[in-house]
Structures are given as C-alpha cells and as structure tokens.
N, C-alpha and C. Protein backbone atom coordinates (compact mmCIF):
# COMPACT_ATOMS: atom_id res chain seq x y z
N MET A 1 18.91 13.24 18.19
CA MET A 1 18.95 11.82 17.93
C MET A 1 17.85 11.10 18.71
N GLU A 2 17.68 11.46 19.95
CA GLU A 2 16.65 10.84 20.79
C GLU A 2 15.25 11.10 20.24
N ASP A 3 15.01 12.32 19.69
CA ASP A 3 13.71 12.64 19.11
C ASP A 3 13.39 11.73 17.94
N ASN A 4 14.38 11.48 17.07
CA ASN A 4 14.17 10.59 15.93
C ASN A 4 13.84 9.19 16.39
N LYS A 5 14.51 8.72 17.42
CA LYS A 5 14.25 7.38 17.94
C LYS A 5 12.82 7.27 18.47
N GLN A 6 12.37 8.31 19.15
CA GLN A 6 11.00 8.29 19.68
C GLN A 6 9.98 8.25 18.55
N ILE A 7 10.22 9.01 17.50
CA ILE A 7 9.27 9.06 16.40
C ILE A 7 9.18 7.69 15.73
N THR A 8 10.31 7.06 15.45
CA THR A 8 10.28 5.78 14.75
C THR A 8 9.74 4.66 15.64
N GLU A 9 9.82 4.81 16.94
CA GLU A 9 9.31 3.79 17.84
C GLU A 9 7.85 4.02 18.22
N GLN A 10 7.28 5.13 17.76
CA GLN A 10 5.89 5.44 18.08
C GLN A 10 4.98 4.35 17.50
N LYS A 11 4.06 3.88 18.30
CA LYS A 11 3.12 2.86 17.85
C LYS A 11 1.77 3.52 17.55
N ILE A 12 1.25 3.21 16.40
CA ILE A 12 -0.08 3.68 16.03
C ILE A 12 -1.05 2.56 16.40
N THR A 13 -2.04 2.88 17.18
CA THR A 13 -2.97 1.86 17.67
C THR A 13 -4.03 1.53 16.61
N TYR A 14 -4.63 0.36 16.77
CA TYR A 14 -5.73 -0.02 15.89
C TYR A 14 -6.85 1.00 15.98
N SER A 15 -7.12 1.47 17.19
CA SER A 15 -8.24 2.42 17.35
C SER A 15 -7.98 3.73 16.61
N LYS A 16 -6.71 4.16 16.55
CA LYS A 16 -6.40 5.38 15.78
C LYS A 16 -6.65 5.17 14.30
N VAL A 17 -6.26 4.01 13.79
CA VAL A 17 -6.48 3.71 12.38
C VAL A 17 -7.98 3.61 12.09
N LEU A 18 -8.71 2.90 12.93
CA LEU A 18 -10.15 2.76 12.74
C LEU A 18 -10.86 4.10 12.83
N LYS A 19 -10.44 4.95 13.75
CA LYS A 19 -11.02 6.29 13.89
C LYS A 19 -10.78 7.10 12.62
N ALA A 20 -9.57 6.99 12.06
CA ALA A 20 -9.24 7.72 10.83
C ALA A 20 -10.11 7.27 9.66
N MET A 21 -10.57 6.02 9.72
CA MET A 21 -11.35 5.46 8.62
C MET A 21 -12.86 5.68 8.76
N GLU A 22 -13.29 6.31 9.82
CA GLU A 22 -14.73 6.46 10.09
C GLU A 22 -15.53 6.98 8.91
N ASP A 23 -15.01 7.98 8.22
CA ASP A 23 -15.76 8.59 7.13
C ASP A 23 -15.46 7.99 5.76
N PHE A 24 -14.68 6.92 5.72
CA PHE A 24 -14.38 6.26 4.45
C PHE A 24 -15.65 5.62 3.92
N ALA A 25 -15.72 5.48 2.61
CA ALA A 25 -16.83 4.77 1.98
C ALA A 25 -16.73 3.29 2.36
N GLU A 26 -17.86 2.61 2.33
CA GLU A 26 -17.89 1.20 2.71
C GLU A 26 -16.96 0.35 1.85
N ASN A 27 -16.91 0.64 0.56
CA ASN A 27 -16.04 -0.16 -0.31
C ASN A 27 -14.56 0.06 0.02
N GLU A 28 -14.21 1.25 0.49
CA GLU A 28 -12.82 1.51 0.90
C GLU A 28 -12.49 0.75 2.18
N LYS A 29 -13.42 0.77 3.12
CA LYS A 29 -13.23 0.01 4.36
C LYS A 29 -13.10 -1.47 4.06
N GLU A 30 -13.97 -1.97 3.18
CA GLU A 30 -13.94 -3.38 2.82
C GLU A 30 -12.59 -3.76 2.21
N LEU A 31 -12.08 -2.93 1.35
CA LEU A 31 -10.78 -3.19 0.73
C LEU A 31 -9.68 -3.26 1.78
N ILE A 32 -9.71 -2.36 2.74
CA ILE A 32 -8.71 -2.36 3.81
C ILE A 32 -8.82 -3.63 4.64
N PHE A 33 -10.04 -4.01 5.01
CA PHE A 33 -10.21 -5.18 5.86
C PHE A 33 -9.92 -6.49 5.13
N THR A 34 -10.39 -6.61 3.88
CA THR A 34 -10.15 -7.87 3.16
C THR A 34 -8.70 -7.99 2.72
N GLY A 35 -8.03 -6.87 2.56
CA GLY A 35 -6.61 -6.90 2.19
C GLY A 35 -5.69 -6.97 3.38
N ASN A 36 -6.26 -7.12 4.57
CA ASN A 36 -5.46 -7.16 5.81
C ASN A 36 -4.47 -5.99 5.89
N MET A 37 -4.96 -4.81 5.59
CA MET A 37 -4.10 -3.64 5.53
C MET A 37 -3.95 -2.90 6.86
N ILE A 38 -4.66 -3.31 7.87
CA ILE A 38 -4.59 -2.58 9.14
C ILE A 38 -3.16 -2.54 9.66
N GLU A 39 -2.47 -3.65 9.62
CA GLU A 39 -1.07 -3.68 10.10
C GLU A 39 -0.19 -2.77 9.26
N ILE A 40 -0.39 -2.79 7.95
CA ILE A 40 0.39 -1.92 7.07
C ILE A 40 0.10 -0.46 7.40
N LEU A 41 -1.16 -0.14 7.58
CA LEU A 41 -1.52 1.25 7.91
C LEU A 41 -0.93 1.68 9.24
N ARG A 42 -0.95 0.81 10.22
CA ARG A 42 -0.34 1.13 11.52
C ARG A 42 1.15 1.42 11.34
N TYR A 43 1.78 0.64 10.51
CA TYR A 43 3.22 0.78 10.30
C TYR A 43 3.55 2.07 9.55
N VAL A 44 2.87 2.31 8.42
CA VAL A 44 3.22 3.47 7.58
C VAL A 44 2.80 4.79 8.21
N CYS A 45 1.84 4.75 9.12
CA CYS A 45 1.42 5.99 9.78
C CYS A 45 2.39 6.41 10.89
N GLY A 46 3.36 5.57 11.17
CA GLY A 46 4.33 5.87 12.21
C GLY A 46 5.29 6.98 11.85
N SER A 47 5.57 7.14 10.54
CA SER A 47 6.49 8.20 10.13
C SER A 47 6.32 8.48 8.64
N GLU A 48 6.69 9.67 8.25
CA GLU A 48 6.62 10.05 6.85
C GLU A 48 7.57 9.19 6.01
N GLU A 49 8.70 8.82 6.60
CA GLU A 49 9.67 7.99 5.89
C GLU A 49 9.08 6.62 5.55
N GLU A 50 8.35 6.04 6.50
CA GLU A 50 7.73 4.74 6.26
C GLU A 50 6.65 4.84 5.20
N LEU A 51 5.89 5.94 5.22
CA LEU A 51 4.88 6.14 4.20
C LEU A 51 5.53 6.25 2.82
N GLU A 52 6.61 7.01 2.71
CA GLU A 52 7.32 7.15 1.44
C GLU A 52 7.88 5.82 0.97
N ARG A 53 8.42 5.04 1.89
CA ARG A 53 8.94 3.71 1.54
C ARG A 53 7.81 2.83 1.00
N TYR A 54 6.65 2.88 1.63
CA TYR A 54 5.51 2.09 1.18
C TYR A 54 5.05 2.55 -0.21
N LYS A 55 5.02 3.87 -0.43
CA LYS A 55 4.65 4.39 -1.76
C LYS A 55 5.60 3.87 -2.82
N ASN A 56 6.90 3.86 -2.51
CA ASN A 56 7.89 3.39 -3.47
C ASN A 56 7.71 1.90 -3.77
N ILE A 57 7.43 1.12 -2.75
CA ILE A 57 7.19 -0.31 -2.94
C ILE A 57 5.96 -0.53 -3.82
N CYS A 58 4.88 0.19 -3.53
CA CYS A 58 3.66 0.06 -4.33
C CYS A 58 3.91 0.46 -5.78
N SER A 59 4.65 1.54 -5.98
CA SER A 59 4.97 1.98 -7.34
C SER A 59 5.76 0.92 -8.09
N MET A 60 6.69 0.28 -7.40
CA MET A 60 7.48 -0.77 -8.01
C MET A 60 6.58 -1.92 -8.47
N TYR A 61 5.65 -2.33 -7.61
CA TYR A 61 4.72 -3.41 -7.97
C TYR A 61 3.83 -3.00 -9.14
N ILE A 62 3.35 -1.78 -9.12
CA ILE A 62 2.49 -1.30 -10.21
C ILE A 62 3.27 -1.34 -11.52
N ASN A 63 4.48 -0.85 -11.52
CA ASN A 63 5.30 -0.85 -12.74
C ASN A 63 5.57 -2.27 -13.22
N THR A 64 5.85 -3.17 -12.30
CA THR A 64 6.12 -4.57 -12.67
C THR A 64 4.89 -5.19 -13.30
N TYR A 65 3.71 -5.00 -12.71
CA TYR A 65 2.50 -5.61 -13.25
C TYR A 65 2.07 -4.96 -14.57
N GLN A 66 2.38 -3.68 -14.76
CA GLN A 66 2.11 -3.05 -16.05
C GLN A 66 2.98 -3.68 -17.13
N THR A 67 4.23 -3.98 -16.78
CA THR A 67 5.12 -4.66 -17.71
C THR A 67 4.60 -6.06 -18.02
N TYR A 68 4.15 -6.79 -17.01
CA TYR A 68 3.57 -8.12 -17.23
C TYR A 68 2.40 -8.04 -18.20
N LEU A 69 1.54 -7.03 -18.03
CA LEU A 69 0.39 -6.89 -18.92
C LEU A 69 0.82 -6.63 -20.36
N LYS A 70 1.81 -5.78 -20.54
CA LYS A 70 2.31 -5.48 -21.89
C LYS A 70 2.91 -6.73 -22.53
N LEU A 71 3.68 -7.49 -21.74
CA LEU A 71 4.27 -8.72 -22.26
C LEU A 71 3.19 -9.74 -22.62
N ALA A 72 2.17 -9.85 -21.78
CA ALA A 72 1.08 -10.77 -22.06
C ALA A 72 0.37 -10.38 -23.36
N GLN A 73 0.17 -9.08 -23.55
CA GLN A 73 -0.48 -8.61 -24.78
C GLN A 73 0.38 -8.93 -26.00
N ARG A 74 1.69 -8.73 -25.90
CA ARG A 74 2.59 -9.01 -27.01
C ARG A 74 2.57 -10.49 -27.35
N VAL A 75 2.64 -11.35 -26.34
CA VAL A 75 2.62 -12.80 -26.57
C VAL A 75 1.27 -13.20 -27.18
N TYR A 76 0.18 -12.67 -26.65
CA TYR A 76 -1.15 -12.96 -27.19
C TYR A 76 -1.22 -12.57 -28.66
N ASP A 77 -0.73 -11.37 -28.99
CA ASP A 77 -0.76 -10.90 -30.38
C ASP A 77 0.06 -11.81 -31.30
N ILE A 78 1.22 -12.25 -30.83
CA ILE A 78 2.06 -13.13 -31.66
C ILE A 78 1.40 -14.49 -31.83
N VAL A 79 0.91 -15.06 -30.75
CA VAL A 79 0.26 -16.38 -30.81
C VAL A 79 -0.96 -16.34 -31.72
N ASN A 80 -1.69 -15.24 -31.65
CA ASN A 80 -2.92 -15.13 -32.44
C ASN A 80 -2.72 -14.35 -33.72
N LYS A 81 -1.48 -14.14 -34.14
CA LYS A 81 -1.10 -13.49 -35.39
C LYS A 81 -1.80 -12.17 -35.63
N LYS A 82 -1.78 -11.31 -34.63
CA LYS A 82 -2.42 -9.98 -34.78
C LYS A 82 -1.39 -8.96 -35.15
C-alpha cells in the first residue's frame, strides 16, 4: 500500500519533461508549449493509470467532435438540399 502511495505522489519535474522533449520536432514542441501541455504531461507521466485516464478523456473528446462534424454535415446537406 505504501509503495502505491509513493508512486502516485511522485512529482515529475519540468526539467524531466523538457529533457524528454529534446529530440522532438519543432512543431511538436510548439504544440506542447502553445497548448500549455507541460502541466498535463507532468501529471500523466506520474503513473500509467494517469496516462490511461488521459487517453480515455482524449478519446471521449475525439468521439464527441467526430459526432459534431457528422451532425454539421447532415444539417448542411439538409439546408442545402443535397
């Protein structure tokens, strides 16, 4: 039980995240910085469970926006009689 508590309380430093990004392409770095993802990366790198939770959240958003796009296309087609 104590081991699990230590793992979940582990803090990932900014320098560890930045070091991990050293070989990333410039556009990838830019996306991380402009999206303010450093805090998210620090959080999800703390444990595999947090990473999985983040993946699930992202998948949910992707599915929701894909549905929005399909609905927008359907409404567009009806409005424009296609």
